[in-house]
Protein backbone atom coordinates (compact mmCIF):
# COMPACT_ATOMS: atom_id res chain seq x y z
CA MET A 1 -19.39 -15.16 56.98
CA PRO A 2 -15.54 -15.38 57.84
CA PRO A 3 -14.20 -19.02 55.97
CA ASP A 4 -14.04 -21.75 58.61
CA LEU A 5 -10.56 -24.24 58.63
CA ASP A 6 -10.56 -26.04 56.75
CA ALA A 7 -11.02 -23.16 54.23
CA LEU A 8 -8.28 -21.42 54.92
CA ARG A 9 -6.05 -24.74 54.23
CA ALA A 10 -7.53 -24.92 50.90
CA LEU A 11 -6.64 -21.87 50.14
CA ALA A 12 -2.95 -22.19 51.63
CA ARG A 13 -2.81 -25.67 50.20
CA SER A 14 -3.92 -23.87 46.47
CA SER A 15 -0.52 -21.43 45.91
CA PRO A 16 0.73 -21.92 43.93
CA TRP A 17 -1.80 -23.18 41.38
CA ARG A 18 -4.49 -20.67 42.43
CA TRP A 19 -2.56 -17.52 43.33
CA ARG A 20 0.89 -15.83 43.88
CA THR A 21 0.38 -13.04 45.86
CA LEU A 22 -2.89 -13.04 48.69
CA GLN A 23 -4.40 -9.89 50.58
CA VAL A 24 -6.27 -10.78 53.52
CA VAL A 25 -7.80 -8.81 56.31
CA VAL A 26 -7.81 -10.42 59.49
CA ASP A 27 -9.80 -9.94 62.76
CA TYR A 28 -8.91 -10.33 65.81
CA ALA A 29 -12.38 -9.52 67.63
CA GLY A 30 -13.71 -11.99 70.28
CA GLN A 31 -10.19 -13.67 70.34
CA ARG A 32 -7.94 -13.78 73.70
CA VAL A 33 -4.83 -12.18 71.70
CA GLU A 34 -2.80 -9.49 72.80
CA SER A 35 -4.15 -6.97 70.23
CA GLN A 36 -7.15 -7.25 69.07
CA GLU A 37 -6.99 -4.75 66.14
CA PRO A 38 -7.26 -5.71 63.01
CA VAL A 39 -4.16 -6.23 60.31
CA ARG A 40 -4.30 -6.36 56.60
CA ALA A 41 -1.75 -8.82 55.08
CA TRP A 42 -0.05 -9.27 51.82
CA ILE A 43 1.93 -12.83 51.48
CA SER A 44 3.37 -13.25 48.13
CA ARG A 45 4.86 -16.66 48.04
CA PRO A 46 7.59 -17.28 47.61
CA HIS A 47 8.87 -14.08 48.55
CA GLY A 48 7.60 -12.51 51.10
CA LEU A 49 5.24 -11.21 53.64
CA ARG A 50 3.80 -7.35 55.06
CA VAL A 51 1.40 -6.90 57.51
CA GLU A 52 0.12 -3.81 58.16
CA ALA A 53 -2.70 -2.51 60.66
CA LEU A 54 -5.74 -1.13 58.91
CA ARG A 55 -4.59 2.67 59.24
CA GLY A 56 -1.80 1.70 57.41
CA ILE A 57 0.89 1.56 60.17
CA LEU A 58 3.56 -0.99 58.93
CA LEU A 59 3.71 -3.62 61.92
CA GLN A 60 6.05 -6.53 59.90
CA ALA A 61 8.14 -6.72 56.73
CA GLN A 62 9.85 -9.58 55.76
CA TRP A 63 10.67 -10.07 52.18
CA SER A 64 13.36 -12.75 50.73
CA ALA A 65 15.11 -12.04 47.01
CA HIS A 66 16.18 -15.84 47.28
CA PRO A 67 13.89 -18.47 48.17
CA TRP A 68 15.85 -21.38 49.39
CA GLY A 69 18.26 -23.14 47.72
CA VAL A 70 19.17 -26.95 47.83
CA SER A 71 22.96 -28.80 47.47
CA THR A 72 24.43 -32.05 49.39
CA LEU A 73 27.40 -31.92 51.07
CA SER A 74 30.08 -34.68 50.32
CA ILE A 75 32.29 -36.33 52.79
CA GLY A 76 35.32 -33.73 52.89
CA GLY A 77 33.37 -30.82 52.92
CA ARG A 78 32.51 -30.20 48.66
CA ARG A 79 29.67 -28.98 47.53
CA VAL A 80 27.36 -31.20 45.39
CA PRO A 81 25.09 -29.48 42.91
CA GLU A 82 21.64 -30.90 43.06
CA PRO A 83 19.93 -30.91 40.06
CA ALA A 84 17.02 -28.25 40.05
CA PRO A 85 13.62 -29.99 40.16
CA TYR A 86 11.17 -28.26 38.21
CA GLY A 87 8.27 -26.50 40.06
CA PRO A 88 4.57 -27.76 40.46
CA LEU A 89 3.50 -25.50 37.36
CA HIS A 90 5.80 -27.04 35.21
CA ALA A 91 3.89 -28.89 32.02
CA ASP A 92 5.06 -32.10 33.23
CA ALA A 93 4.37 -31.71 36.82
CA PRO A 94 1.11 -33.63 38.26
CA ARG A 95 -1.69 -31.99 38.60
CA PRO A 96 -3.24 -30.97 42.54
CA VAL A 97 -6.79 -32.62 43.62
CA LEU A 98 -9.53 -29.60 43.12
CA ARG A 99 -12.83 -29.16 45.46
CA ALA A 100 -15.90 -28.36 44.36
CA ASP A 101 -15.22 -24.44 45.15
CA GLY A 102 -12.12 -24.68 43.11
CA LEU A 103 -9.08 -24.68 45.57
CA VAL A 104 -6.53 -27.38 46.13
CA SER A 105 -8.27 -30.62 47.98
CA ARG A 106 -4.64 -32.35 48.07
CA ARG A 107 -1.53 -31.43 46.67
CA PRO A 108 0.72 -34.25 44.72
CA ALA A 109 2.65 -36.36 46.36
CA ALA A 110 5.62 -35.81 44.12
CA PRO A 111 9.00 -35.06 46.73
CA HIS A 112 10.97 -34.22 43.44
CA LEU A 113 8.55 -30.85 43.04
CA ASN A 114 9.98 -27.93 43.96
CA TYR A 115 7.24 -26.15 46.09
CA ASP A 116 8.95 -22.77 47.07
């Protein structure tokens, strides 16, 4: 039985505490989409996505060596570096609220965290 929408959302919220790389198979049978062929996808946060047909044919790949950076522009256009926010896995970072199945129910409300 496939996971319901709530479980998929909880799985997405669970990165980076529960996973950094995820492999999923999506079967569009019975759905109204252009291609009904099942696909396999690898999601690697924060760096990339690879999607291929189950036969192994590459459909899409996007990889980034550098996740987004943050900076502030001052008056006059000078770049002012921001202090690097710490990540959600840092020892001092607040912890997420977990569901009974161990997935994340609610991420911490901490605007200074860099979730990637």
